[in-house]
N, C-alpha and C. Protein backbone atom coordinates (compact mmCIF):
# COMPACT_ATOMS: atom_id res chain seq x y z
N MET A 1 48.23 70.03 10.45
CA MET A 1 48.19 69.27 11.15
C MET A 1 46.96 68.65 12.40
N PRO A 2 46.01 68.05 12.59
CA PRO A 2 44.84 68.09 13.50
C PRO A 2 45.36 68.06 14.64
N GLU A 3 44.71 68.28 15.74
CA GLU A 3 45.54 67.76 16.88
C GLU A 3 44.28 67.29 17.77
N ILE A 4 44.60 66.38 18.94
CA ILE A 4 44.02 66.07 19.64
C ILE A 4 43.92 66.16 21.37
N GLU A 5 43.39 65.65 22.60
CA GLU A 5 44.20 65.68 23.75
C GLU A 5 44.14 64.62 24.21
N THR A 6 45.14 63.88 24.99
CA THR A 6 44.85 62.51 25.04
C THR A 6 45.28 62.97 26.58
N ALA A 7 44.84 61.70 27.55
CA ALA A 7 44.68 61.35 28.78
C ALA A 7 46.14 61.72 28.88
N ALA A 8 46.45 63.04 30.23
CA ALA A 8 48.11 62.96 31.08
C ALA A 8 48.96 61.88 31.49
N GLY A 9 49.64 61.90 31.75
CA GLY A 9 50.59 61.08 31.84
C GLY A 9 51.22 60.18 30.10
N ALA A 10 52.33 58.94 30.81
CA ALA A 10 53.19 58.61 30.01
C ALA A 10 52.30 57.18 29.39
N ALA A 11 51.88 57.40 27.82
CA ALA A 11 51.42 55.30 27.42
C ALA A 11 52.29 54.28 27.41
N PRO A 12 52.43 53.02 27.79
CA PRO A 12 53.57 52.23 27.69
C PRO A 12 53.99 52.38 26.70
N ALA A 13 55.36 51.55 26.64
CA ALA A 13 55.94 52.06 25.42
C ALA A 13 55.63 50.79 24.29
N PRO A 14 55.33 51.22 23.03
CA PRO A 14 55.57 49.90 22.38
C PRO A 14 55.79 48.98 22.53
N PRO A 15 54.58 47.77 21.85
CA PRO A 15 55.45 46.61 22.13
C PRO A 15 56.77 46.91 20.86
N GLN A 16 57.66 45.61 20.69
CA GLN A 16 58.88 45.64 19.96
C GLN A 16 58.73 44.27 19.06
N GLY A 17 58.99 44.03 18.00
CA GLY A 17 58.60 43.49 17.02
C GLY A 17 57.55 43.34 16.23
N PRO A 18 57.28 42.78 15.07
CA PRO A 18 56.43 42.60 14.23
C PRO A 18 55.18 42.61 14.46
N ALA A 19 54.10 43.01 14.27
CA ALA A 19 52.63 42.85 14.78
C ALA A 19 52.38 41.54 14.34
N LEU A 20 51.32 41.15 14.57
CA LEU A 20 50.76 39.75 14.46
C LEU A 20 49.91 40.08 13.32
N GLU A 21 48.91 40.76 13.08
CA GLU A 21 47.95 41.30 12.42
C GLU A 21 48.18 43.39 12.79
N GLU A 22 47.65 43.52 10.86
CA GLU A 22 47.59 45.22 11.11
C GLU A 22 46.55 45.60 10.22
N TRP A 23 45.60 46.70 10.72
CA TRP A 23 44.94 46.99 10.16
C TRP A 23 44.63 48.98 9.89
N ASP A 24 44.33 49.31 8.70
CA ASP A 24 43.75 50.68 8.09
C ASP A 24 42.37 50.71 9.12
N VAL A 25 42.52 51.67 10.02
CA VAL A 25 41.43 52.08 11.19
C VAL A 25 40.96 54.02 11.04
N ALA A 26 40.30 54.09 11.27
CA ALA A 26 39.89 55.53 12.23
C ALA A 26 39.48 55.23 13.17
N ALA A 27 40.15 56.05 14.44
CA ALA A 27 39.74 55.49 15.54
C ALA A 27 39.58 57.10 16.48
N ILE A 28 38.68 56.43 17.40
CA ILE A 28 38.33 57.54 18.59
C ILE A 28 38.57 56.38 19.77
N GLY A 29 39.63 57.49 21.23
CA GLY A 29 39.85 56.86 22.67
C GLY A 29 39.14 57.00 22.89
N PRO A 30 39.29 56.41 24.05
CA PRO A 30 38.06 56.85 25.16
C PRO A 30 38.24 57.83 26.16
N ASP A 31 39.56 58.59 26.00
CA ASP A 31 40.11 59.10 26.66
C ASP A 31 40.83 60.69 25.56
N TRP A 32 40.80 60.80 24.79
CA TRP A 32 40.82 61.93 24.11
C TRP A 32 39.98 62.70 24.30
N ARG A 33 39.82 64.50 23.63
CA ARG A 33 39.13 65.29 23.79
C ARG A 33 39.38 66.08 22.53
N PRO A 34 38.20 66.56 22.02
CA PRO A 34 39.05 67.98 20.86
C PRO A 34 39.62 69.04 21.46
N PRO A 35 40.33 69.46 20.51
CA PRO A 35 41.18 70.66 21.23
C PRO A 35 40.03 71.67 21.54
N ALA A 36 40.82 72.75 22.66
CA ALA A 36 39.91 73.76 23.13
C ALA A 36 39.18 74.65 22.13
N GLY A 37 37.77 74.75 21.85
CA GLY A 37 37.28 75.37 21.21
C GLY A 37 36.75 74.87 20.07
N GLU A 38 36.73 73.17 20.24
CA GLU A 38 35.59 72.37 19.21
C GLU A 38 35.05 71.82 20.15
N SER A 39 33.68 71.51 18.98
CA SER A 39 32.69 70.96 19.91
C SER A 39 32.85 68.93 19.68
N GLU A 40 33.25 68.71 18.80
CA GLU A 40 33.39 67.17 18.17
C GLU A 40 35.06 66.79 18.08
N LEU A 41 34.86 65.59 18.53
CA LEU A 41 36.04 65.35 18.02
C LEU A 41 36.04 64.52 16.89
N ALA A 42 37.06 65.00 16.07
CA ALA A 42 37.14 63.65 15.03
C ALA A 42 38.15 62.15 14.35
N PRO A 43 37.23 61.40 14.17
CA PRO A 43 38.00 60.43 14.07
C PRO A 43 39.68 60.42 14.05
N ALA A 44 40.87 60.41 14.29
CA ALA A 44 42.05 59.77 14.18
C ALA A 44 42.42 58.75 12.59
N HIS A 45 42.68 58.73 11.32
CA HIS A 45 43.15 57.30 10.68
C HIS A 45 44.59 57.08 11.33
N GLY A 46 44.56 56.24 10.82
CA GLY A 46 45.83 55.33 11.62
C GLY A 46 45.87 54.09 10.91
N ARG A 47 46.91 53.62 11.38
CA ARG A 47 46.73 51.39 12.07
C ARG A 47 47.02 51.29 13.08
N LEU A 48 46.03 50.13 13.50
CA LEU A 48 46.29 49.37 14.60
C LEU A 48 46.54 48.07 14.73
N ALA A 49 47.14 47.88 15.23
CA ALA A 49 48.59 47.12 15.34
C ALA A 49 47.81 45.94 16.71
N LEU A 50 48.11 44.64 16.25
CA LEU A 50 47.81 43.75 17.11
C LEU A 50 49.20 42.25 17.29
N HIS A 51 49.85 42.72 18.51
CA HIS A 51 50.55 41.91 19.26
C HIS A 51 50.12 41.36 20.29
N ASP A 52 51.33 40.72 20.61
CA ASP A 52 50.74 39.62 22.04
C ASP A 52 50.31 40.36 23.27
N ASP A 53 51.15 41.27 23.14
CA ASP A 53 50.84 41.74 24.57
C ASP A 53 49.94 42.90 24.33
N ALA A 54 49.33 43.76 23.02
CA ALA A 54 49.06 44.61 23.20
C ALA A 54 48.54 45.29 21.57
N LEU A 55 47.84 45.90 21.52
CA LEU A 55 46.89 46.27 20.56
C LEU A 55 47.56 48.28 20.40
N VAL A 56 48.16 48.35 19.40
CA VAL A 56 48.81 49.88 19.52
C VAL A 56 48.65 50.01 18.02
N PHE A 57 47.85 51.88 18.34
CA PHE A 57 47.14 52.29 17.44
C PHE A 57 48.06 53.51 16.99
N ARG A 58 48.71 53.83 15.51
CA ARG A 58 49.48 55.13 15.63
C ARG A 58 48.16 55.70 14.06
N ALA A 59 48.39 57.22 14.64
CA ALA A 59 47.81 57.94 13.60
C ALA A 59 48.78 58.63 12.55
N ASP A 60 47.70 59.11 11.26
CA ASP A 60 48.89 59.33 10.42
C ASP A 60 49.26 60.21 10.73
N ASP A 61 48.08 61.49 10.66
CA ASP A 61 48.09 62.49 11.26
C ASP A 61 47.72 63.46 12.30
N VAL A 62 47.47 62.65 13.35
CA VAL A 62 46.81 63.40 14.08
C VAL A 62 47.93 63.45 15.34
N THR A 63 48.23 65.15 15.79
CA THR A 63 49.18 65.12 17.03
C THR A 63 48.15 64.92 18.77
N ASP A 64 49.29 65.01 19.22
CA ASP A 64 48.38 65.27 21.02
C ASP A 64 49.20 66.25 21.16
N ARG A 65 47.96 67.46 21.45
CA ARG A 65 48.39 69.12 21.57
C ARG A 65 49.59 69.43 22.78
N ALA A 66 49.24 68.30 23.67
CA ALA A 66 50.45 68.50 25.04
C ALA A 66 51.41 68.27 24.60
N THR A 67 51.79 67.30 23.54
CA THR A 67 53.38 67.09 23.40
C THR A 67 54.06 66.99 22.21
N GLY A 68 52.86 67.66 21.47
CA GLY A 68 52.83 67.79 19.89
C GLY A 68 53.07 66.68 18.76
N ALA A 69 53.94 65.51 19.45
CA ALA A 69 54.37 64.41 19.28
C ALA A 69 52.90 63.38 17.93
N ALA A 70 53.06 62.84 17.25
CA ALA A 70 52.08 62.05 16.83
C ALA A 70 51.48 60.96 17.77
N VAL A 71 50.22 60.66 17.15
CA VAL A 71 49.61 60.24 18.72
C VAL A 71 49.35 58.98 18.59
N VAL A 72 50.53 58.22 19.62
CA VAL A 72 50.33 56.73 19.43
C VAL A 72 49.88 56.20 21.02
N ALA A 73 49.02 54.93 20.52
CA ALA A 73 48.51 54.80 22.15
C ALA A 73 48.60 53.39 21.87
N VAL A 74 49.36 52.58 23.19
CA VAL A 74 49.23 51.45 23.59
C VAL A 74 48.29 51.08 24.46
N ILE A 75 47.64 49.67 24.58
CA ILE A 75 46.73 49.06 24.77
C ILE A 75 46.59 48.21 25.05
N PRO A 76 47.29 47.60 26.45
CA PRO A 76 47.70 46.39 26.89
C PRO A 76 46.82 45.55 26.52
N ALA A 77 47.21 44.29 26.52
CA ALA A 77 46.30 43.04 26.51
C ALA A 77 45.05 42.63 27.90
N ALA A 78 45.93 42.71 28.63
CA ALA A 78 45.29 42.76 30.57
C ALA A 78 44.60 43.31 30.24
N ALA A 79 44.52 44.65 29.43
CA ALA A 79 43.30 45.96 29.83
C ALA A 79 41.80 45.34 29.47
N VAL A 80 42.05 44.64 27.87
CA VAL A 80 40.84 44.59 27.38
C VAL A 80 40.35 43.62 27.80
N THR A 81 38.79 44.29 28.03
CA THR A 81 37.49 43.00 28.45
C THR A 81 36.36 42.96 26.94
N GLY A 82 36.55 43.05 26.16
CA GLY A 82 35.67 42.39 24.99
C GLY A 82 35.81 43.48 24.38
N ALA A 83 34.56 42.83 23.12
CA ALA A 83 35.27 43.90 21.71
C ALA A 83 33.78 43.28 20.73
N GLY A 84 33.16 44.27 20.11
CA GLY A 84 32.25 43.27 19.29
C GLY A 84 32.32 44.97 18.08
N PRO A 85 31.02 44.21 17.42
CA PRO A 85 30.86 45.11 16.01
C PRO A 85 30.31 46.41 16.51
N LEU A 86 30.06 47.48 15.13
CA LEU A 86 29.14 48.15 15.57
C LEU A 86 28.08 48.26 14.84
N SER A 87 26.73 48.64 15.35
CA SER A 87 25.52 48.25 14.61
C SER A 87 25.33 49.28 13.29
N PRO A 88 24.78 48.75 12.36
CA PRO A 88 25.07 49.15 11.44
C PRO A 88 24.13 50.67 11.45
N GLY A 89 24.40 51.43 11.02
CA GLY A 89 23.05 53.20 10.96
C GLY A 89 24.36 53.71 12.67
N SER A 90 25.60 52.97 12.83
CA SER A 90 26.10 53.83 13.98
C SER A 90 26.86 55.42 13.78
N ARG A 91 27.14 55.83 14.42
CA ARG A 91 27.95 57.39 14.08
C ARG A 91 28.78 56.94 15.15
N LEU A 92 30.44 57.96 14.48
CA LEU A 92 31.27 58.25 15.11
C LEU A 92 30.89 59.14 16.39
N THR A 93 30.34 60.03 15.47
CA THR A 93 30.11 61.24 16.18
C THR A 93 28.86 61.89 16.29
N PRO A 94 28.67 62.84 17.08
CA PRO A 94 27.06 63.07 16.58
C PRO A 94 26.58 63.78 15.31
N THR A 95 27.66 63.81 14.53
CA THR A 95 27.37 63.84 12.95
C THR A 95 28.07 63.91 11.84
N THR A 96 29.10 62.36 12.53
CA THR A 96 29.47 61.75 11.54
C THR A 96 29.54 60.63 11.57
N PRO A 97 28.41 60.13 10.68
CA PRO A 97 28.70 58.38 10.15
C PRO A 97 29.67 57.80 10.87
N ALA A 98 29.28 56.50 10.86
CA ALA A 98 30.70 55.70 11.05
C ALA A 98 30.60 54.98 9.20
N GLY A 99 31.34 54.29 8.90
CA GLY A 99 31.43 53.52 7.48
C GLY A 99 31.66 54.35 6.37
N GLN A 100 32.53 55.63 6.68
CA GLN A 100 32.51 56.60 5.18
C GLN A 100 32.96 56.04 4.58
N TRP A 101 33.59 55.45 4.92
CA TRP A 101 33.73 54.17 3.53
C TRP A 101 33.28 53.64 2.58
N MET A 102 32.15 53.34 2.87
CA MET A 102 30.97 52.60 2.24
C MET A 102 30.06 53.26 1.69
N PRO A 103 29.47 52.72 0.27
CA PRO A 103 28.25 53.29 0.25
C PRO A 103 27.40 53.28 1.17
N ALA A 104 26.44 54.89 1.03
CA ALA A 104 25.71 55.61 2.18
C ALA A 104 24.78 54.24 2.00
N PRO A 105 24.08 53.68 0.99
CA PRO A 105 22.95 53.03 1.60
C PRO A 105 23.54 51.33 1.77
N LEU A 106 24.42 51.26 2.00
CA LEU A 106 24.99 49.96 2.84
C LEU A 106 25.18 50.39 4.30
N ARG A 107 25.30 51.63 4.87
CA ARG A 107 25.70 51.60 6.25
C ARG A 107 24.39 51.85 6.82
N ARG A 108 23.40 51.44 6.28
CA ARG A 108 21.97 51.08 7.31
C ARG A 108 22.15 49.33 7.26
N LEU A 109 22.63 48.65 6.53
CA LEU A 109 22.46 47.32 6.43
C LEU A 109 24.21 46.41 6.79
N ARG A 110 25.22 46.86 6.74
CA ARG A 110 26.22 46.50 7.20
C ARG A 110 26.48 46.88 8.34
N CYS A 111 28.03 46.03 9.10
CA CYS A 111 28.36 46.76 10.37
C CYS A 111 29.75 47.54 9.40
N PRO A 112 29.87 48.37 9.99
CA PRO A 112 30.53 49.72 9.80
C PRO A 112 31.99 49.57 10.56
N GLY A 113 32.64 48.77 11.48
CA GLY A 113 33.77 48.54 12.66
C GLY A 113 33.26 48.19 13.41
N PHE A 114 34.35 48.40 14.78
CA PHE A 114 34.04 47.55 15.93
C PHE A 114 34.68 48.58 16.95
N THR A 115 33.94 48.19 18.24
CA THR A 115 34.77 48.52 19.80
C THR A 115 35.45 47.72 20.08
N VAL A 116 36.42 48.12 20.78
CA VAL A 116 37.35 47.30 22.07
C VAL A 116 37.15 47.66 23.26
N THR A 117 36.68 47.38 23.83
CA THR A 117 36.00 47.63 25.98
C THR A 117 37.52 47.46 26.46
N THR A 118 37.66 48.30 27.21
CA THR A 118 39.19 47.89 27.98
C THR A 118 38.77 48.52 29.40
N THR A 119 39.29 48.26 30.82
CA THR A 119 38.94 48.78 31.53
C THR A 119 39.30 50.86 31.69
N ALA A 120 39.58 50.61 31.26
CA ALA A 120 39.60 52.37 30.56
C ALA A 120 38.42 52.98 29.83
N GLY A 121 38.36 52.20 28.94
CA GLY A 121 36.70 52.84 28.65
C GLY A 121 36.42 51.98 27.28
N THR A 122 36.21 53.05 26.44
CA THR A 122 35.62 51.54 24.61
C THR A 122 36.61 52.76 23.66
N TRP A 123 37.50 52.08 23.26
CA TRP A 123 37.60 52.31 21.95
C TRP A 123 36.56 52.36 21.00
N VAL A 124 36.58 52.82 19.64
CA VAL A 124 35.64 52.84 18.60
C VAL A 124 36.41 52.86 17.53
N PHE A 125 36.07 51.50 16.48
CA PHE A 125 37.17 51.80 15.41
C PHE A 125 36.53 51.17 14.06
N ASP A 126 36.35 52.77 13.15
CA ASP A 126 36.00 52.16 12.29
C ASP A 126 36.43 52.05 10.72
N ALA A 127 36.23 50.54 10.86
CA ALA A 127 37.21 49.87 9.16
C ALA A 127 36.17 48.80 9.14
N PRO A 128 36.75 48.57 7.69
CA PRO A 128 35.54 47.20 6.83
C PRO A 128 35.79 46.04 7.58
N LYS A 129 34.35 45.30 7.67
CA LYS A 129 34.60 43.59 8.13
C LYS A 129 34.74 43.74 9.98
N GLY A 130 34.11 44.85 10.28
CA GLY A 130 34.07 45.02 11.89
C GLY A 130 33.75 43.96 12.37
N VAL A 131 32.61 43.02 11.43
CA VAL A 131 32.55 41.95 12.91
C VAL A 131 33.99 40.65 12.74
N LYS A 132 34.61 40.48 11.72
CA LYS A 132 35.35 39.88 11.89
C LYS A 132 36.75 40.41 13.04
N ARG A 133 36.76 41.60 12.88
CA ARG A 133 38.16 42.00 13.53
C ARG A 133 37.70 42.05 15.28
N ALA A 134 36.37 41.93 15.31
CA ALA A 134 35.68 42.35 16.96
C ALA A 134 35.61 40.92 17.09
N GLU A 135 35.65 40.16 16.89
CA GLU A 135 35.48 38.80 16.90
C GLU A 135 37.49 38.38 17.01
N ALA A 136 38.43 38.38 16.27
CA ALA A 136 39.50 38.59 16.23
C ALA A 136 40.19 39.04 17.78
N VAL A 137 40.05 40.36 17.76
CA VAL A 137 40.25 40.94 19.21
C VAL A 137 39.92 39.83 20.74
N ARG A 138 38.36 40.14 20.56
CA ARG A 138 37.59 39.22 21.82
C ARG A 138 38.50 37.57 21.80
N ARG A 139 38.49 36.97 20.32
CA ARG A 139 39.57 35.51 20.54
C ARG A 139 40.50 36.16 21.39
N ARG A 140 41.81 36.36 20.38
CA ARG A 140 42.85 36.92 21.38
C ARG A 140 43.03 37.68 22.66
N TYR A 141 42.16 38.80 23.37
CA TYR A 141 42.34 39.54 24.50
C TYR A 141 41.57 39.28 25.40
N ALA A 142 40.17 38.87 25.12
CA ALA A 142 39.34 38.77 25.53
C ALA A 142 38.87 37.50 26.04
N ALA A 143 39.19 36.34 25.32
CA ALA A 143 38.66 35.19 25.50
C ALA A 143 38.20 34.36 27.33
N GLY A 144 37.47 34.18 27.65
CA GLY A 144 37.66 33.66 28.86
C GLY A 144 37.73 34.69 30.15
N ARG A 145 36.92 35.88 30.11
CA ARG A 145 36.83 37.78 30.97
C ARG A 145 35.36 37.20 30.76
């Protein structure tokens, strides 16, 4: 099972109750680091759930090296400062283009995902419908900021 290093400290508890929306995504968090001996961080595949007071990313098969637990990241709504689509041709890492789920020629023409800017840094999410999803996050969490 792949591992990453996340920022030290306990993350806020995930919100209780059902999500307003939930999307399959590949994510890279602003404070995530590759494990020792690795030069590049691979995106973590999982689900991004939108709740009233937070966004919650749950990795499918990536663990936190420090705890051995599955990666669960809680992004408080108050920390979200903006969101926007990825540009066509964007890269998730220096060697990995975003939009691996779409045919290669379309990656140069279409948005392969979206970013969520927070007070702690920028999250990158690789997923279909990047423009619509960025707008949904911006409207719900960053409107008026």
